[in-house]
Protein backbone atom coordinates (compact mmCIF):
# COMPACT_ATOMS: atom_id res chain seq x y z
CA UNK A 1 32.75 -1.86 63.08
CA UNK A 2 35.36 -4.55 63.44
CA UNK A 3 38.71 -4.09 61.60
CA UNK A 4 38.40 -7.50 60.01
CA UNK A 5 35.18 -6.39 58.29
CA UNK A 6 36.76 -3.24 57.02
CA UNK A 7 39.72 -5.41 55.68
CA UNK A 8 37.14 -7.64 53.96
CA UNK A 9 35.50 -4.62 52.19
CA UNK A 10 38.96 -3.56 51.00
CA UNK A 11 39.74 -7.10 49.94
CA UNK A 12 36.52 -7.38 47.85
CA UNK A 13 37.27 -3.97 46.24
CA UNK A 14 40.65 -5.11 45.30
CA UNK A 15 39.29 -8.35 43.75
CA UNK A 16 36.67 -6.26 41.81
CA UNK A 17 39.60 -4.40 40.11
CA UNK A 18 41.02 -7.63 38.92
CA UNK A 19 37.83 -9.44 37.93
CA UNK A 20 34.05 -9.13 38.19
CA UNK A 21 32.70 -10.03 41.53
CA UNK A 22 30.33 -13.05 41.90
CA UNK A 23 26.70 -12.29 42.95
CA UNK A 24 27.51 -13.53 46.45
CA UNK A 25 30.61 -11.36 46.68
CA UNK A 26 28.67 -8.33 45.48
CA UNK A 27 25.91 -8.96 48.02
CA UNK A 28 28.56 -9.38 50.83
CA UNK A 29 30.40 -6.22 49.87
CA UNK A 30 27.07 -4.27 49.75
CA UNK A 31 25.99 -5.54 53.21
CA UNK A 32 29.41 -4.78 54.74
CA UNK A 33 29.33 -1.14 53.17
CA UNK A 34 25.89 -0.68 54.64
CA UNK A 35 27.03 -1.77 58.02
CA UNK A 36 29.99 0.45 57.75
CA UNK A 37 27.89 3.52 56.78
CA UNK A 38 25.50 2.90 59.70
CA UNK A 39 28.37 2.68 62.16
CA UNK A 40 29.79 5.91 60.97
CA UNK A 41 26.39 7.50 61.28
CA UNK A 42 25.88 6.26 64.69
CA UNK A 43 29.42 7.53 65.76
CA UNK A 44 28.65 11.02 64.28
CA UNK A 45 25.27 11.22 66.13
CA UNK A 46 27.08 10.28 69.30
CA UNK A 47 29.60 13.00 68.85
CA UNK A 48 26.91 15.57 68.03
CA UNK A 49 24.77 14.62 71.07
CA UNK A 50 27.77 15.47 73.35
CA UNK A 51 28.68 18.71 71.59
CA UNK A 52 27.90 21.95 73.32
CA UNK A 53 28.01 25.52 71.92
CA UNK A 54 29.65 28.24 74.32
CA UNK A 55 28.48 31.71 73.61
CA UNK A 56 30.33 34.90 74.27
CA UNK A 57 29.11 35.16 77.90
CA UNK A 58 30.33 31.52 78.52
CA UNK A 59 26.99 29.93 78.64
CA UNK A 60 27.10 26.28 77.40
CA UNK A 61 24.20 25.06 75.36
CA UNK A 62 23.77 21.55 73.86
CA UNK A 63 23.15 21.39 70.06
CA UNK A 64 19.46 21.20 69.28
CA UNK A 65 18.26 17.92 67.59
CA UNK A 66 17.26 18.66 63.90
CA UNK A 67 15.27 15.54 63.22
CA UNK A 68 15.92 11.94 62.11
CA UNK A 69 18.99 11.17 60.03
CA UNK A 70 18.37 9.01 56.98
């Protein structure tokens, strides 16, 4: 996710502490938050897909998929 979008989330949060957000601002913040959460999930999945377990004998085994992430 682009830093400018993260900055916008923070800006909208700061504004919400000073006054109530308009419907458009609330919708924008919600969409940006969803995009941020999705990007964090994808990043985590990428890291886990490249993670291996090394047992006591030195055998490297990839992590087994556990199913879809919601």
